[in-house]
Amino acid sequence: MTRTPTGKLNINLSNLFLLLLLVSGLMACKEDTSTTEENQESMEHREARVQLTPEQEVITGIRRGTFIKQPLTNLVKAPGFIDSPPQYKATINSFTTIFVEKIHFIVGDPVNKGQVVISASSPEFVSMQQEYLETLSSLANLESDFERKQSLREDNISSQKELEEARAAFQAARAKKSALQNNLQLMGADISSLEQGNLQSKVLLKSPISGKISALQTSVGQHSAPHEVLMEVINSEHLHLEMKVLEQDIPRVMEGQAVTFTLPDFKEQLFYGHVYRKGNTIDPKGRFVQVHAHLDTENDSFLPGMYINSYIVVSQDSVWTVPSGSIVHEGSETFLFVLQDSKQEGKIYQRKQVRTGIEAMGYTAIMNPDEALFKDSVVVAGTYYLSNALNEAGGHDN
């Protein structure tokens, strides 16, 4: 190739043209890449929200709640159970051997004080009534004999020994009559009717208190020995809390302090009470002190014997909290799902990053400074499904 000034200029122009084309291509690629990144960011921004139809909410078990402000920073753990005072619990049994003929109530049925709960037959009961009538009859004769010999003794016709024997027989019969009468009354016998010769063939067991049948330990046709427990009745109108506080924590517990507790099957619902009495002895094995608390409000779901997760509030400094199960953990980060919008076609939930604090009673403190967050409706159940749906879509926190 011959190098001439003109040719050289033509080659440079060609190279410059190619260079310009390459730069243009790179710029175009950069613009396309920038557009793609913006679209991806926009997509991820949208995917930080999950929309569910009403049917999907039912299937996934989504349940919403609110942020709760409560004291979690200065608590004394006091596990325990719901109980009923001794005077509001009763067992039903017979004072003699019986054969159960009819059971009038089952577990859960309400009963009134004095109402018949079990009807039974008892040969011993009939024999005892017969013995009572015989004793009653002989008592009149013995009393008459005693009075006659006492009169004879005053006239020195009868000896002192005969008088003492008559007195002893009369007093023994009177004591026997009184004992039989008391036992028969405990069994439900009508003494006035019995003294007119009307024997009662059935043993009627009655409830000593008003309440509900809490246990049934017999069946029709069963042979039951005396003092064998057949039924239990509990009055749930005066339930209280029995709690155990470790000895090192008991100096911080005072009468009147608030008590917060949850039930095992209702961990998201808080119930309240207050300390009424604390014990003055330490259990030698468990090293705890018994603390008695009263409920602030009664609840039909409370049953004697229910275990509770309870805490005594030492100070009233409160923080915003959510049920611990509503928090999603991803590495070192924690998130919540809140309701962002509600439409006819479904509800939209948004994931928000949060800072967590102390955990107690199944609740975790949320330390975010944004007070607006705590006005949102938060997902307390079903966050697992929302998180999975978001991760599968490649979403991230907004």
Protein backbone atom coordinates (compact mmCIF):
# COMPACT_ATOMS: atom_id res chain seq x y z
CA MET A 1 0.00 0.00 0.00
CA THR A 2 1.34 3.44 -0.98
CA ARG A 3 1.34 5.93 1.87
CA THR A 4 0.06 9.29 0.71
CA PRO A 5 -1.23 12.13 2.85
CA THR A 6 -4.69 11.59 1.44
CA GLY A 7 -4.66 7.82 2.11
CA LYS A 8 -3.41 8.34 5.59
CA LEU A 9 -6.28 10.69 6.27
CA ASN A 10 -8.77 8.16 4.91
CA ILE A 11 -7.43 5.41 7.21
CA ASN A 12 -7.67 7.65 10.30
CA LEU A 13 -11.21 8.61 9.43
CA SER A 14 -12.14 4.94 9.11
CA ASN A 15 -10.56 4.11 12.43
CA LEU A 16 -12.26 7.06 14.03
CA PHE A 17 -15.58 5.91 12.65
CA LEU A 18 -15.10 2.41 14.08
CA LEU A 19 -14.10 3.89 17.42
CA LEU A 20 -17.21 6.02 17.50
CA LEU A 21 -19.35 2.99 16.71
CA LEU A 22 -17.75 1.05 19.60
CA VAL A 23 -18.22 3.89 22.05
CA SER A 24 -21.84 4.25 20.92
CA GLY A 25 -22.38 0.54 21.44
CA LEU A 26 -20.88 0.68 24.93
CA MET A 27 -23.00 3.68 25.82
CA ALA A 28 -26.08 1.86 24.54
CA CYS A 29 -25.14 -1.20 26.56
CA LYS A 30 -24.65 0.96 29.63
CA GLU A 31 -28.04 2.54 29.15
CA ASP A 32 -29.64 -0.88 28.69
CA THR A 33 -27.87 -2.17 31.82
CA SER A 34 -28.99 0.87 33.79
CA THR A 35 -32.56 0.37 32.59
CA THR A 36 -32.42 -3.32 33.51
CA GLU A 37 -31.10 -2.54 36.99
CA GLU A 38 -33.81 0.06 37.51
CA ASN A 39 -36.47 -2.41 36.39
CA GLN A 40 -35.03 -5.07 38.70
CA GLU A 41 -34.96 -2.64 41.61
CA SER A 42 -38.52 -1.63 40.84
CA MET A 43 -39.53 -5.29 40.65
CA GLU A 44 -37.84 -6.05 43.94
CA HIS A 45 -39.51 -2.98 45.44
CA ARG A 46 -42.86 -4.37 44.44
CA GLU A 47 -42.01 -7.90 45.58
CA ALA A 48 -41.31 -6.63 49.13
CA ARG A 49 -45.09 -6.68 49.29
CA VAL A 50 -47.24 -9.79 49.17
CA GLN A 51 -50.85 -9.79 48.05
CA LEU A 52 -53.18 -12.57 49.19
CA THR A 53 -56.72 -13.31 48.14
CA PRO A 54 -59.30 -14.03 50.87
CA GLU A 55 -59.08 -17.74 50.02
CA GLN A 56 -55.28 -17.71 50.39
CA GLU A 57 -55.56 -16.00 53.77
CA VAL A 58 -57.80 -18.76 55.04
CA ILE A 59 -55.54 -21.52 53.71
CA THR A 60 -52.33 -20.00 55.12
CA GLY A 61 -53.91 -19.14 58.47
CA ILE A 62 -53.02 -15.46 58.34
CA ARG A 63 -54.07 -13.66 61.51
CA ARG A 64 -53.50 -10.01 62.37
CA GLY A 65 -53.14 -8.18 65.63
CA THR A 66 -51.87 -4.92 67.02
CA PHE A 67 -48.69 -3.77 68.69
CA ILE A 68 -49.08 -3.98 72.48
CA LYS A 69 -47.43 -1.58 74.87
CA GLN A 70 -46.52 -3.40 78.06
CA PRO A 71 -43.71 -3.67 80.63
CA LEU A 72 -41.06 -6.20 79.64
CA THR A 73 -37.91 -4.60 80.99
CA ASN A 74 -38.27 -5.34 84.71
CA LEU A 75 -40.18 -8.54 85.31
CA VAL A 76 -40.00 -11.43 87.76
CA LYS A 77 -40.77 -14.82 86.23
CA ALA A 78 -43.40 -16.63 88.27
CA PRO A 79 -44.73 -19.80 86.62
CA GLY A 80 -47.86 -21.24 88.12
CA PHE A 81 -51.42 -22.37 87.52
CA ILE A 82 -55.03 -21.27 87.91
CA ASP A 83 -56.68 -22.61 91.04
CA SER A 84 -59.90 -22.43 93.00
CA PRO A 85 -60.06 -21.73 96.78
CA PRO A 86 -60.62 -24.83 98.94
CA GLN A 87 -64.07 -23.65 99.99
CA TYR A 88 -65.14 -23.62 96.33
CA LYS A 89 -64.12 -27.24 95.63
CA ALA A 90 -66.05 -30.28 96.83
CA THR A 91 -65.97 -34.05 96.45
CA ILE A 92 -69.10 -36.20 96.53
CA ASN A 93 -69.08 -39.63 98.13
CA SER A 94 -71.33 -41.95 100.13
CA PHE A 95 -71.07 -42.73 103.82
CA THR A 96 -72.11 -46.33 103.21
CA THR A 97 -71.73 -49.04 100.59
CA ILE A 98 -73.92 -48.28 97.57
CA PHE A 99 -74.83 -49.53 94.12
CA VAL A 100 -75.10 -46.65 91.65
CA GLU A 101 -78.47 -46.64 89.88
CA LYS A 102 -78.62 -43.25 88.18
CA ILE A 103 -76.19 -40.44 87.42
CA HIS A 104 -78.07 -37.18 86.96
CA PHE A 105 -75.20 -35.02 85.62
CA ILE A 106 -72.07 -35.34 83.52
CA VAL A 107 -68.81 -33.41 83.48
CA GLY A 108 -69.37 -29.74 82.68
CA ASP A 109 -72.98 -29.61 83.83
CA PRO A 110 -73.90 -26.83 86.29
CA VAL A 111 -75.42 -27.89 89.61
CA ASN A 112 -76.93 -26.06 92.56
CA LYS A 113 -76.18 -26.64 96.21
CA GLY A 114 -78.41 -29.42 97.57
CA GLN A 115 -79.30 -30.81 94.14
CA VAL A 116 -79.36 -34.62 93.78
CA VAL A 117 -76.51 -35.75 91.52
CA ILE A 118 -76.47 -39.54 92.07
CA SER A 119 -79.23 -41.99 93.04
CA ALA A 120 -78.20 -45.35 94.51
CA SER A 121 -79.48 -48.34 96.45
CA SER A 122 -77.94 -49.62 99.66
CA PRO A 123 -78.97 -52.57 101.85
CA GLU A 124 -76.85 -51.09 104.63
CA PHE A 125 -78.84 -47.85 104.43
CA VAL A 126 -82.11 -49.75 104.84
CA SER A 127 -80.68 -51.78 107.74
CA MET A 128 -79.50 -48.63 109.44
CA GLN A 129 -83.01 -47.13 109.22
CA GLN A 130 -84.46 -50.30 110.70
CA GLU A 131 -81.93 -50.18 113.52
CA TYR A 132 -82.85 -46.56 114.17
CA LEU A 133 -86.54 -47.39 114.51
CA GLU A 134 -85.77 -50.31 116.84
CA THR A 135 -83.54 -48.09 118.96
CA LEU A 136 -86.18 -45.38 119.02
CA SER A 137 -88.76 -47.91 120.20
CA SER A 138 -86.58 -49.41 122.93
CA LEU A 139 -85.50 -45.94 124.03
CA ALA A 140 -89.02 -45.14 125.21
CA ASN A 141 -89.15 -48.34 127.27
CA LEU A 142 -85.69 -47.76 128.75
CA GLU A 143 -86.57 -44.20 129.65
CA SER A 144 -89.76 -45.34 131.34
CA ASP A 145 -87.86 -48.06 133.23
CA PHE A 146 -85.22 -45.59 134.36
CA GLU A 147 -87.84 -43.12 135.66
CA ARG A 148 -89.70 -45.93 137.50
CA LYS A 149 -86.56 -47.25 139.24
CA GLN A 150 -85.52 -43.72 140.10
CA SER A 151 -88.87 -43.24 141.83
CA LEU A 152 -88.54 -46.59 143.61
CA ARG A 153 -85.06 -45.71 144.75
CA GLU A 154 -86.37 -42.50 146.29
CA ASP A 155 -88.77 -44.66 148.33
CA ASN A 156 -85.93 -47.11 149.14
CA ILE A 157 -87.80 -49.88 147.36
CA SER A 158 -85.18 -50.42 144.64
CA SER A 159 -81.44 -50.76 145.06
CA GLN A 160 -78.89 -48.21 143.85
CA LYS A 161 -77.37 -50.82 141.57
CA GLU A 162 -80.65 -51.38 139.74
CA LEU A 163 -81.02 -47.63 139.29
CA GLU A 164 -77.52 -47.29 137.86
CA GLU A 165 -78.10 -50.18 135.43
CA ALA A 166 -81.34 -48.60 134.24
CA ARG A 167 -79.65 -45.23 133.83
CA ALA A 168 -76.74 -46.75 131.85
CA ALA A 169 -79.08 -48.66 129.51
CA PHE A 170 -81.17 -45.58 128.88
CA GLN A 171 -78.17 -43.31 128.21
CA ALA A 172 -76.58 -45.90 125.89
CA ALA A 173 -79.78 -46.18 123.86
CA ARG A 174 -80.13 -42.41 123.67
CA ALA A 175 -76.52 -42.06 122.44
CA LYS A 176 -77.06 -44.80 119.85
CA LYS A 177 -80.22 -43.12 118.62
CA SER A 178 -78.41 -39.78 118.27
CA ALA A 179 -75.50 -41.37 116.35
CA LEU A 180 -77.81 -43.26 114.00
CA GLN A 181 -79.84 -40.12 113.41
CA ASN A 182 -76.74 -38.09 112.50
CA ASN A 183 -75.45 -40.77 110.13
CA LEU A 184 -78.82 -41.15 108.45
CA GLN A 185 -79.09 -37.39 107.98
CA LEU A 186 -75.65 -37.38 106.35
CA MET A 187 -76.96 -40.01 103.94
CA GLY A 188 -79.94 -37.86 103.13
CA ALA A 189 -82.61 -39.63 105.15
CA ASP A 190 -85.78 -37.75 106.14
CA ILE A 191 -85.89 -38.39 109.90
CA SER A 192 -89.44 -37.05 110.38
CA SER A 193 -90.78 -39.35 107.69
CA LEU A 194 -88.69 -42.25 109.01
CA GLU A 195 -90.08 -41.89 112.56
CA GLN A 196 -93.54 -42.32 111.07
CA GLY A 197 -92.43 -45.70 109.72
CA ASN A 198 -91.54 -44.70 106.16
CA LEU A 199 -88.22 -46.31 105.23
CA GLN A 200 -86.25 -44.78 102.36
CA SER A 201 -84.90 -47.34 99.88
CA LYS A 202 -82.64 -44.99 97.86
CA VAL A 203 -79.51 -43.10 98.81
CA LEU A 204 -79.63 -39.63 97.25
CA LEU A 205 -76.22 -37.99 97.00
CA LYS A 206 -76.42 -34.19 96.80
CA SER A 207 -73.98 -31.49 95.78
CA PRO A 208 -72.62 -29.60 98.79
CA ILE A 209 -71.90 -26.46 96.73
CA SER A 210 -73.06 -24.72 93.57
CA GLY A 211 -70.74 -25.01 90.58
CA LYS A 212 -69.94 -27.34 87.71
CA ILE A 213 -69.18 -31.05 87.65
CA SER A 214 -65.42 -31.24 87.11
CA ALA A 215 -64.89 -35.00 87.48
CA LEU A 216 -67.02 -38.14 87.29
CA GLN A 217 -65.46 -41.32 88.64
CA THR A 218 -68.35 -43.78 88.68
CA SER A 219 -70.87 -45.46 86.37
CA VAL A 220 -74.30 -47.05 86.60
CA GLY A 221 -74.19 -50.40 88.39
CA GLN A 222 -70.89 -49.73 90.09
CA HIS A 223 -70.36 -50.90 93.66
CA SER A 224 -68.82 -48.09 95.68
CA ALA A 225 -67.32 -48.35 99.12
CA PRO A 226 -67.77 -45.66 101.79
CA HIS A 227 -65.77 -42.47 101.25
CA GLU A 228 -64.88 -43.44 97.67
CA VAL A 229 -64.95 -40.25 95.57
CA LEU A 230 -67.67 -40.43 92.93
CA MET A 231 -67.86 -36.82 91.70
CA GLU A 232 -66.08 -33.50 92.03
CA VAL A 233 -67.68 -30.05 91.86
CA ILE A 234 -65.82 -26.77 91.38
CA ASN A 235 -67.17 -23.24 91.57
CA SER A 236 -65.15 -21.17 89.09
CA GLU A 237 -66.45 -17.78 90.18
CA HIS A 238 -63.51 -17.13 92.49
CA LEU A 239 -60.45 -18.39 90.62
CA HIS A 240 -56.99 -17.13 91.49
CA LEU A 241 -53.35 -17.67 90.51
CA GLU A 242 -50.87 -19.77 92.44
CA MET A 243 -47.31 -18.87 91.39
CA LYS A 244 -43.77 -19.85 92.34
CA VAL A 245 -41.08 -17.19 92.73
CA LEU A 246 -37.42 -18.10 93.25
CA GLU A 247 -35.98 -17.06 96.60
CA GLN A 248 -33.52 -14.56 95.05
CA ASP A 249 -36.42 -12.72 93.36
CA ILE A 250 -38.85 -12.65 96.29
CA PRO A 251 -37.45 -9.38 97.82
CA ARG A 252 -38.57 -7.57 94.63
CA VAL A 253 -42.14 -8.85 94.93
CA MET A 254 -44.67 -6.71 96.79
CA GLU A 255 -48.39 -7.06 97.39
CA GLY A 256 -50.40 -5.08 94.87
CA GLN A 257 -47.91 -5.41 92.00
CA ALA A 258 -49.38 -6.17 88.58
CA VAL A 259 -49.25 -9.68 87.15
CA THR A 260 -49.26 -10.44 83.43
CA PHE A 261 -49.80 -13.96 82.16
CA THR A 262 -50.65 -16.04 79.11
CA LEU A 263 -52.20 -19.47 78.66
CA PRO A 264 -50.31 -22.19 76.74
CA ASP A 265 -52.98 -22.33 74.03
CA PHE A 266 -53.48 -18.53 73.87
CA LYS A 267 -49.93 -17.21 73.82
CA GLU A 268 -50.91 -14.12 71.84
CA GLN A 269 -53.52 -12.98 74.39
CA LEU A 270 -52.48 -11.30 77.62
CA PHE A 271 -54.39 -11.56 80.89
CA TYR A 272 -53.87 -9.50 84.02
CA GLY A 273 -54.04 -9.77 87.78
CA HIS A 274 -52.27 -8.46 90.88
CA VAL A 275 -50.30 -9.91 93.77
CA TYR A 276 -52.54 -10.49 96.81
CA ARG A 277 -50.33 -12.45 99.19
CA LYS A 278 -46.80 -13.83 99.19
CA GLY A 279 -45.72 -16.75 101.32
CA ASN A 280 -43.28 -16.55 104.21
CA THR A 281 -41.64 -19.95 103.80
CA ILE A 282 -39.20 -21.30 101.22
CA ASP A 283 -39.72 -24.70 99.66
CA PRO A 284 -36.62 -26.71 100.70
CA LYS A 285 -36.42 -28.61 97.40
CA GLY A 286 -37.32 -26.07 94.75
CA ARG A 287 -36.08 -23.00 96.67
CA PHE A 288 -39.16 -20.99 95.77
CA VAL A 289 -41.83 -19.02 97.62
CA GLN A 290 -45.54 -19.41 96.93
CA VAL A 291 -47.24 -16.21 95.71
CA HIS A 292 -51.03 -15.82 95.53
CA ALA A 293 -52.57 -13.44 92.97
CA HIS A 294 -56.11 -12.33 92.17
CA LEU A 295 -57.49 -11.96 88.66
CA ASP A 296 -58.43 -8.48 87.45
CA THR A 297 -61.24 -9.92 85.30
CA GLU A 298 -62.90 -13.32 85.11
CA ASN A 299 -62.80 -15.29 81.86
CA ASP A 300 -64.91 -18.26 80.80
CA SER A 301 -61.85 -19.92 79.26
CA PHE A 302 -60.14 -20.16 82.66
CA LEU A 303 -60.27 -23.57 84.29
CA PRO A 304 -58.79 -24.73 87.60
CA GLY A 305 -55.50 -26.52 87.05
CA MET A 306 -54.55 -24.62 83.88
CA TYR A 307 -50.83 -23.87 83.70
CA ILE A 308 -49.87 -20.25 83.03
CA ASN A 309 -46.77 -18.39 81.86
CA SER A 310 -46.83 -15.52 84.33
CA TYR A 311 -44.64 -12.57 85.27
CA ILE A 312 -44.83 -10.10 88.12
CA VAL A 313 -44.34 -6.50 86.97
CA VAL A 314 -41.75 -4.86 89.23
CA SER A 315 -41.77 -1.53 87.35
CA GLN A 316 -44.24 -0.01 84.93
CA ASP A 317 -41.85 1.17 82.17
CA SER A 318 -43.57 -0.06 79.00
CA VAL A 319 -42.30 -0.84 75.48
CA TRP A 320 -44.00 -1.74 72.23
CA THR A 321 -44.20 -5.50 71.74
CA VAL A 322 -45.45 -8.17 69.35
CA PRO A 323 -45.87 -11.93 69.81
CA SER A 324 -42.45 -13.51 69.31
CA GLY A 325 -43.82 -15.90 66.70
CA SER A 326 -44.68 -13.01 64.38
CA ILE A 327 -41.01 -12.05 63.91
CA VAL A 328 -39.15 -13.32 60.84
CA HIS A 329 -35.41 -13.95 61.24
CA GLU A 330 -33.11 -13.81 58.23
CA GLY A 331 -29.52 -14.02 59.34
CA SER A 332 -28.88 -11.18 61.76
CA GLU A 333 -31.87 -9.20 60.51
CA THR A 334 -35.44 -9.31 61.80
CA PHE A 335 -38.64 -8.40 59.99
CA LEU A 336 -42.37 -8.00 60.52
CA PHE A 337 -45.24 -8.08 58.07
CA VAL A 338 -47.80 -5.28 58.37
CA LEU A 339 -51.04 -4.70 56.51
CA GLN A 340 -50.40 -2.02 53.89
CA ASP A 341 -53.63 -2.02 51.93
CA SER A 342 -56.93 -3.85 51.78
CA LYS A 343 -58.70 -4.24 48.46
CA GLN A 344 -61.65 -6.22 47.19
CA GLU A 345 -59.37 -8.70 45.45
CA GLY A 346 -57.22 -9.21 48.52
CA LYS A 347 -54.93 -7.69 51.13
CA ILE A 348 -51.40 -6.41 50.60
CA TYR A 349 -48.79 -7.07 53.27
CA GLN A 350 -45.45 -5.26 53.47
CA ARG A 351 -42.32 -6.55 55.11
CA LYS A 352 -40.55 -4.08 57.41
CA GLN A 353 -37.21 -4.44 59.11
CA VAL A 354 -37.28 -3.98 62.89
CA ARG A 355 -34.90 -3.90 65.82
CA THR A 356 -35.84 -6.28 68.62
CA GLY A 357 -35.20 -6.06 72.35
CA ILE A 358 -35.98 -8.20 75.39
CA GLU A 359 -38.23 -11.25 75.08
CA ALA A 360 -40.59 -12.44 77.81
CA MET A 361 -44.03 -14.05 78.13
CA GLY A 362 -43.90 -14.98 74.46
CA TYR A 363 -43.60 -11.32 73.46
CA THR A 364 -40.63 -9.42 72.03
CA ALA A 365 -39.92 -5.70 72.40
CA ILE A 366 -39.69 -3.68 69.16
CA MET A 367 -37.15 -0.87 69.48
CA ASN A 368 -37.82 1.05 66.25
CA PRO A 369 -38.06 4.82 66.90
CA ASP A 370 -40.80 5.25 64.27
CA GLU A 371 -44.02 5.59 66.27
CA ALA A 372 -46.08 5.39 63.05
CA LEU A 373 -45.11 1.74 62.73
CA PHE A 374 -46.97 0.83 65.89
CA LYS A 375 -50.27 2.04 64.46
CA ASP A 376 -50.15 -0.62 61.74
CA SER A 377 -51.97 -3.92 61.87
CA VAL A 378 -49.25 -6.55 62.27
CA VAL A 379 -49.36 -10.18 61.15
CA VAL A 380 -49.13 -12.38 64.25
CA ALA A 381 -49.71 -15.76 62.59
CA GLY A 382 -48.80 -16.98 59.12
CA THR A 383 -45.59 -14.94 58.69
CA TYR A 384 -43.79 -18.13 57.61
CA TYR A 385 -45.92 -18.35 54.48
CA LEU A 386 -45.58 -14.65 53.68
CA SER A 387 -41.80 -14.84 54.07
CA ASN A 388 -41.54 -17.91 51.84
CA ALA A 389 -43.68 -16.29 49.17
CA LEU A 390 -41.49 -13.19 49.27
CA ASN A 391 -38.21 -15.12 49.12
CA GLU A 392 -39.39 -17.26 46.22
CA ALA A 393 -40.23 -14.07 44.33
CA GLY A 394 -36.78 -12.63 45.12
CA GLY A 395 -38.13 -9.81 47.25
CA HIS A 396 -36.30 -7.75 49.85
CA ASP A 397 -37.16 -5.25 52.52
CA ASN A 398 -38.59 -2.01 51.30
